[in-house]
Amino acid sequence: MAADYYQVVTTTDSPDEADTLASGIVDNHLGACVHVIPMTSVYRWEGKVTREPELRLVVKTAADRLDRLIEYIKNNHSYDIPQVVVTEIGGTDEYLNWVRDETRP
């Protein structure tokens, strides 16, 4: 059985891109809200270990908006391979009702 609500995480290295992605996601009712969190990422890319400052975007959305949200991220992200990690979530009825209402077009 599929979940009704999801949390989607992506990252970017640019505050401007983080703001553009977050605003576009909320403006287009693809996510109820986006948390933008500064962090440091350590990863291997093209054979070398890299340490870079990044911004983590955490989006809460309803199941029927998930595919469109993922496509939005892929189509509007500057990375060759943007991180898109999807996790099922639960919560209070009041909060999840708000997520549902905010993701209605």
N, C-alpha and C. Protein backbone atom coordinates (compact mmCIF):
# COMPACT_ATOMS: atom_id res chain seq x y z
N MET A 1 0.85 -1.17 0.00
CA MET A 1 0.00 0.00 0.00
C MET A 1 0.90 1.24 0.00
N ALA A 2 0.61 2.19 -0.85
CA ALA A 2 1.38 3.42 -0.93
C ALA A 2 0.99 4.37 0.19
N ALA A 3 1.95 5.18 0.59
CA ALA A 3 1.69 6.20 1.61
C ALA A 3 0.90 7.36 1.01
N ASP A 4 0.29 8.15 1.86
CA ASP A 4 -0.45 9.32 1.41
C ASP A 4 0.40 10.58 1.38
N TYR A 5 1.52 10.59 2.14
CA TYR A 5 2.35 11.79 2.25
C TYR A 5 3.82 11.40 2.20
N TYR A 6 4.62 12.30 1.64
CA TYR A 6 6.04 12.04 1.46
C TYR A 6 6.88 13.26 1.80
N GLN A 7 8.13 12.98 2.15
CA GLN A 7 9.13 14.01 2.31
C GLN A 7 10.16 13.77 1.22
N VAL A 8 10.51 14.81 0.48
CA VAL A 8 11.47 14.70 -0.62
C VAL A 8 12.65 15.61 -0.28
N VAL A 9 13.85 15.07 -0.44
CA VAL A 9 15.07 15.82 -0.14
C VAL A 9 15.89 15.98 -1.40
N THR A 10 16.38 17.20 -1.62
CA THR A 10 17.35 17.48 -2.66
C THR A 10 18.36 18.45 -2.09
N THR A 11 19.48 18.65 -2.79
CA THR A 11 20.50 19.59 -2.34
C THR A 11 20.93 20.46 -3.51
N THR A 12 21.51 21.60 -3.17
CA THR A 12 22.12 22.49 -4.16
C THR A 12 23.26 23.23 -3.51
N ASP A 13 24.15 23.78 -4.32
CA ASP A 13 25.28 24.53 -3.77
C ASP A 13 25.06 26.04 -3.83
N SER A 14 23.91 26.47 -4.27
CA SER A 14 23.67 27.90 -4.48
C SER A 14 22.45 28.38 -3.69
N PRO A 15 22.62 29.42 -2.86
CA PRO A 15 21.46 29.98 -2.16
C PRO A 15 20.39 30.49 -3.13
N ASP A 16 20.80 31.05 -4.25
CA ASP A 16 19.82 31.54 -5.24
C ASP A 16 19.03 30.38 -5.83
N GLU A 17 19.71 29.28 -6.16
CA GLU A 17 18.99 28.12 -6.71
C GLU A 17 18.08 27.51 -5.65
N ALA A 18 18.54 27.45 -4.41
CA ALA A 18 17.69 26.92 -3.33
C ALA A 18 16.42 27.74 -3.21
N ASP A 19 16.57 29.06 -3.25
CA ASP A 19 15.40 29.93 -3.15
C ASP A 19 14.48 29.78 -4.35
N THR A 20 15.06 29.70 -5.54
CA THR A 20 14.25 29.53 -6.76
C THR A 20 13.50 28.21 -6.75
N LEU A 21 14.20 27.13 -6.40
CA LEU A 21 13.54 25.82 -6.33
C LEU A 21 12.43 25.82 -5.28
N ALA A 22 12.74 26.31 -4.07
CA ALA A 22 11.75 26.31 -2.99
C ALA A 22 10.53 27.13 -3.37
N SER A 23 10.75 28.32 -3.90
CA SER A 23 9.63 29.18 -4.29
C SER A 23 8.80 28.54 -5.40
N GLY A 24 9.46 27.96 -6.39
CA GLY A 24 8.74 27.31 -7.49
C GLY A 24 7.92 26.13 -7.03
N ILE A 25 8.48 25.36 -6.10
CA ILE A 25 7.76 24.19 -5.57
C ILE A 25 6.49 24.62 -4.85
N VAL A 26 6.60 25.63 -3.99
CA VAL A 26 5.43 26.10 -3.23
C VAL A 26 4.46 26.83 -4.15
N ASP A 27 4.98 27.70 -5.02
CA ASP A 27 4.10 28.46 -5.96
C ASP A 27 3.27 27.54 -6.84
N ASN A 28 3.87 26.40 -7.23
CA ASN A 28 3.18 25.45 -8.11
C ASN A 28 2.41 24.38 -7.36
N HIS A 29 2.26 24.53 -6.05
CA HIS A 29 1.52 23.59 -5.20
C HIS A 29 2.06 22.16 -5.29
N LEU A 30 3.38 22.04 -5.50
CA LEU A 30 4.01 20.72 -5.55
C LEU A 30 4.44 20.26 -4.17
N GLY A 31 4.61 21.20 -3.26
CA GLY A 31 4.95 20.91 -1.88
C GLY A 31 4.30 21.94 -0.98
N ALA A 32 3.93 21.53 0.22
CA ALA A 32 3.29 22.45 1.16
C ALA A 32 4.30 23.44 1.73
N CYS A 33 5.52 22.97 1.97
CA CYS A 33 6.57 23.84 2.48
C CYS A 33 7.92 23.23 2.13
N VAL A 34 8.94 24.06 2.16
CA VAL A 34 10.31 23.61 1.89
C VAL A 34 11.20 24.18 2.99
N HIS A 35 11.90 23.31 3.69
CA HIS A 35 12.91 23.75 4.65
C HIS A 35 14.24 23.81 3.90
N VAL A 36 14.97 24.91 4.04
CA VAL A 36 16.28 25.08 3.42
C VAL A 36 17.31 25.12 4.55
N ILE A 37 18.20 24.14 4.56
CA ILE A 37 19.11 23.92 5.68
C ILE A 37 20.55 23.91 5.17
N PRO A 38 21.42 24.81 5.68
CA PRO A 38 22.82 24.76 5.27
C PRO A 38 23.53 23.56 5.88
N MET A 39 24.49 22.99 5.13
CA MET A 39 25.21 21.81 5.59
C MET A 39 26.50 21.67 4.79
N THR A 40 27.30 20.69 5.16
CA THR A 40 28.50 20.33 4.40
C THR A 40 28.29 18.92 3.87
N SER A 41 28.57 18.71 2.59
CA SER A 41 28.47 17.39 1.98
C SER A 41 29.87 16.86 1.67
N VAL A 42 30.08 15.59 1.98
CA VAL A 42 31.33 14.90 1.64
C VAL A 42 30.93 13.74 0.74
N TYR A 43 31.49 13.71 -0.47
CA TYR A 43 31.09 12.70 -1.45
C TYR A 43 32.21 12.46 -2.45
N ARG A 44 32.11 11.35 -3.17
CA ARG A 44 33.06 11.05 -4.23
C ARG A 44 32.41 11.44 -5.56
N TRP A 45 33.13 12.23 -6.34
CA TRP A 45 32.62 12.64 -7.66
C TRP A 45 33.79 12.64 -8.62
N GLU A 46 33.62 11.93 -9.73
CA GLU A 46 34.64 11.81 -10.75
C GLU A 46 35.98 11.36 -10.16
N GLY A 47 35.89 10.38 -9.25
CA GLY A 47 37.07 9.74 -8.71
C GLY A 47 37.75 10.42 -7.53
N LYS A 48 37.25 11.56 -7.07
CA LYS A 48 37.90 12.18 -5.92
C LYS A 48 36.88 12.55 -4.85
N VAL A 49 37.35 12.48 -3.61
CA VAL A 49 36.50 12.84 -2.48
C VAL A 49 36.46 14.37 -2.39
N THR A 50 35.24 14.88 -2.28
CA THR A 50 35.01 16.32 -2.28
C THR A 50 34.26 16.70 -1.01
N ARG A 51 34.56 17.86 -0.48
CA ARG A 51 33.85 18.42 0.67
C ARG A 51 33.37 19.80 0.23
N GLU A 52 32.05 20.00 0.22
CA GLU A 52 31.48 21.24 -0.29
C GLU A 52 30.33 21.71 0.61
N PRO A 53 30.17 23.03 0.75
CA PRO A 53 28.96 23.54 1.41
C PRO A 53 27.78 23.35 0.46
N GLU A 54 26.67 22.92 1.01
CA GLU A 54 25.45 22.77 0.22
C GLU A 54 24.26 23.21 1.06
N LEU A 55 23.13 23.31 0.40
CA LEU A 55 21.86 23.59 1.06
C LEU A 55 20.95 22.40 0.82
N ARG A 56 20.36 21.91 1.88
CA ARG A 56 19.44 20.77 1.82
C ARG A 56 18.02 21.31 1.78
N LEU A 57 17.26 20.90 0.78
CA LEU A 57 15.85 21.28 0.67
C LEU A 57 15.01 20.07 1.05
N VAL A 58 14.13 20.25 2.03
CA VAL A 58 13.26 19.19 2.51
C VAL A 58 11.83 19.63 2.23
N VAL A 59 11.14 18.87 1.38
CA VAL A 59 9.80 19.22 0.89
C VAL A 59 8.80 18.21 1.42
N LYS A 60 7.67 18.69 1.95
CA LYS A 60 6.57 17.82 2.33
C LYS A 60 5.49 17.92 1.27
N THR A 61 4.99 16.75 0.81
CA THR A 61 4.00 16.76 -0.27
C THR A 61 3.02 15.61 -0.12
N ALA A 62 1.95 15.69 -0.87
CA ALA A 62 0.94 14.63 -0.92
C ALA A 62 1.29 13.65 -2.03
N ALA A 63 0.84 12.42 -1.89
CA ALA A 63 1.19 11.36 -2.82
C ALA A 63 0.84 11.70 -4.27
N ASP A 64 -0.30 12.34 -4.49
CA ASP A 64 -0.70 12.63 -5.87
C ASP A 64 0.11 13.76 -6.50
N ARG A 65 0.98 14.41 -5.76
CA ARG A 65 1.85 15.48 -6.29
C ARG A 65 3.30 15.02 -6.41
N LEU A 66 3.61 13.81 -5.92
CA LEU A 66 4.98 13.33 -5.84
C LEU A 66 5.67 13.27 -7.20
N ASP A 67 5.06 12.63 -8.18
CA ASP A 67 5.70 12.50 -9.50
C ASP A 67 5.97 13.85 -10.13
N ARG A 68 5.02 14.77 -10.02
CA ARG A 68 5.22 16.12 -10.59
C ARG A 68 6.31 16.88 -9.85
N LEU A 69 6.40 16.69 -8.54
CA LEU A 69 7.46 17.32 -7.76
C LEU A 69 8.83 16.81 -8.21
N ILE A 70 8.97 15.52 -8.36
CA ILE A 70 10.24 14.94 -8.79
C ILE A 70 10.61 15.46 -10.18
N GLU A 71 9.67 15.50 -11.08
CA GLU A 71 9.94 16.03 -12.43
C GLU A 71 10.34 17.50 -12.37
N TYR A 72 9.69 18.28 -11.51
CA TYR A 72 10.03 19.69 -11.35
C TYR A 72 11.48 19.84 -10.90
N ILE A 73 11.87 19.06 -9.91
CA ILE A 73 13.25 19.12 -9.42
C ILE A 73 14.22 18.76 -10.53
N LYS A 74 13.97 17.65 -11.21
CA LYS A 74 14.87 17.21 -12.28
C LYS A 74 14.97 18.24 -13.41
N ASN A 75 13.85 18.87 -13.75
CA ASN A 75 13.84 19.82 -14.87
C ASN A 75 14.37 21.21 -14.51
N ASN A 76 14.44 21.54 -13.22
CA ASN A 76 14.82 22.89 -12.82
C ASN A 76 16.09 22.93 -11.99
N HIS A 77 16.78 21.82 -11.86
CA HIS A 77 17.99 21.74 -11.04
C HIS A 77 19.22 21.88 -11.93
N SER A 78 20.27 22.51 -11.40
CA SER A 78 21.49 22.72 -12.18
C SER A 78 22.43 21.52 -12.16
N TYR A 79 22.27 20.61 -11.20
CA TYR A 79 23.18 19.47 -11.11
C TYR A 79 22.91 18.47 -12.23
N ASP A 80 23.99 17.80 -12.69
CA ASP A 80 23.84 16.74 -13.69
C ASP A 80 22.95 15.63 -13.15
N ILE A 81 23.19 15.28 -11.89
CA ILE A 81 22.40 14.23 -11.22
C ILE A 81 21.95 14.80 -9.88
N PRO A 82 20.80 15.48 -9.84
CA PRO A 82 20.35 16.02 -8.56
C PRO A 82 19.91 14.91 -7.60
N GLN A 83 20.20 15.12 -6.34
CA GLN A 83 19.73 14.19 -5.32
C GLN A 83 18.21 14.33 -5.24
N VAL A 84 17.53 13.19 -5.30
CA VAL A 84 16.09 13.15 -5.03
C VAL A 84 15.85 11.90 -4.19
N VAL A 85 15.64 12.11 -2.89
CA VAL A 85 15.40 11.01 -1.95
C VAL A 85 13.99 11.18 -1.42
N VAL A 86 13.20 10.12 -1.51
CA VAL A 86 11.79 10.15 -1.14
C VAL A 86 11.57 9.23 0.06
N THR A 87 10.90 9.77 1.09
CA THR A 87 10.59 9.00 2.29
C THR A 87 9.11 9.16 2.62
N GLU A 88 8.46 8.06 2.93
CA GLU A 88 7.07 8.12 3.39
C GLU A 88 7.05 8.80 4.76
N ILE A 89 6.02 9.62 5.00
CA ILE A 89 5.90 10.28 6.30
C ILE A 89 4.49 10.13 6.84
N GLY A 90 4.37 10.28 8.13
CA GLY A 90 3.10 10.37 8.83
C GLY A 90 3.14 11.62 9.68
N GLY A 91 2.07 11.88 10.39
CA GLY A 91 2.02 13.05 11.25
C GLY A 91 0.64 13.21 11.82
N THR A 92 0.43 14.35 12.48
CA THR A 92 -0.89 14.62 13.03
C THR A 92 -1.88 14.85 11.89
N ASP A 93 -3.13 14.57 12.16
CA ASP A 93 -4.16 14.80 11.14
C ASP A 93 -4.17 16.26 10.70
N GLU A 94 -4.02 17.16 11.66
CA GLU A 94 -4.07 18.59 11.34
C GLU A 94 -2.94 18.98 10.39
N TYR A 95 -1.74 18.50 10.67
CA TYR A 95 -0.60 18.83 9.82
C TYR A 95 -0.75 18.22 8.43
N LEU A 96 -1.10 16.95 8.39
CA LEU A 96 -1.23 16.28 7.09
C LEU A 96 -2.39 16.86 6.28
N ASN A 97 -3.46 17.28 6.92
CA ASN A 97 -4.54 17.96 6.21
C ASN A 97 -4.04 19.27 5.60
N TRP A 98 -3.18 19.98 6.34
CA TRP A 98 -2.60 21.21 5.82
C TRP A 98 -1.71 20.92 4.61
N VAL A 99 -0.89 19.87 4.69
CA VAL A 99 -0.06 19.48 3.54
C VAL A 99 -0.94 19.19 2.33
N ARG A 100 -1.99 18.41 2.54
CA ARG A 100 -2.91 18.09 1.46
C ARG A 100 -3.51 19.36 0.87
N ASP A 101 -4.04 20.24 1.71
CA ASP A 101 -4.69 21.46 1.23
C ASP A 101 -3.72 22.37 0.48
N GLU A 102 -2.49 22.48 0.95
CA GLU A 102 -1.51 23.35 0.29
C GLU A 102 -0.98 22.81 -1.02
N THR A 103 -1.18 21.53 -1.26
CA THR A 103 -0.71 20.93 -2.51
C THR A 103 -1.83 20.76 -3.53
N ARG A 104 -2.95 21.38 -3.28
CA ARG A 104 -4.05 21.36 -4.25
C ARG A 104 -3.82 22.51 -5.24
N PRO A 105 -3.84 22.21 -6.54
CA PRO A 105 -3.64 23.29 -7.53
C PRO A 105 -4.81 24.28 -7.57
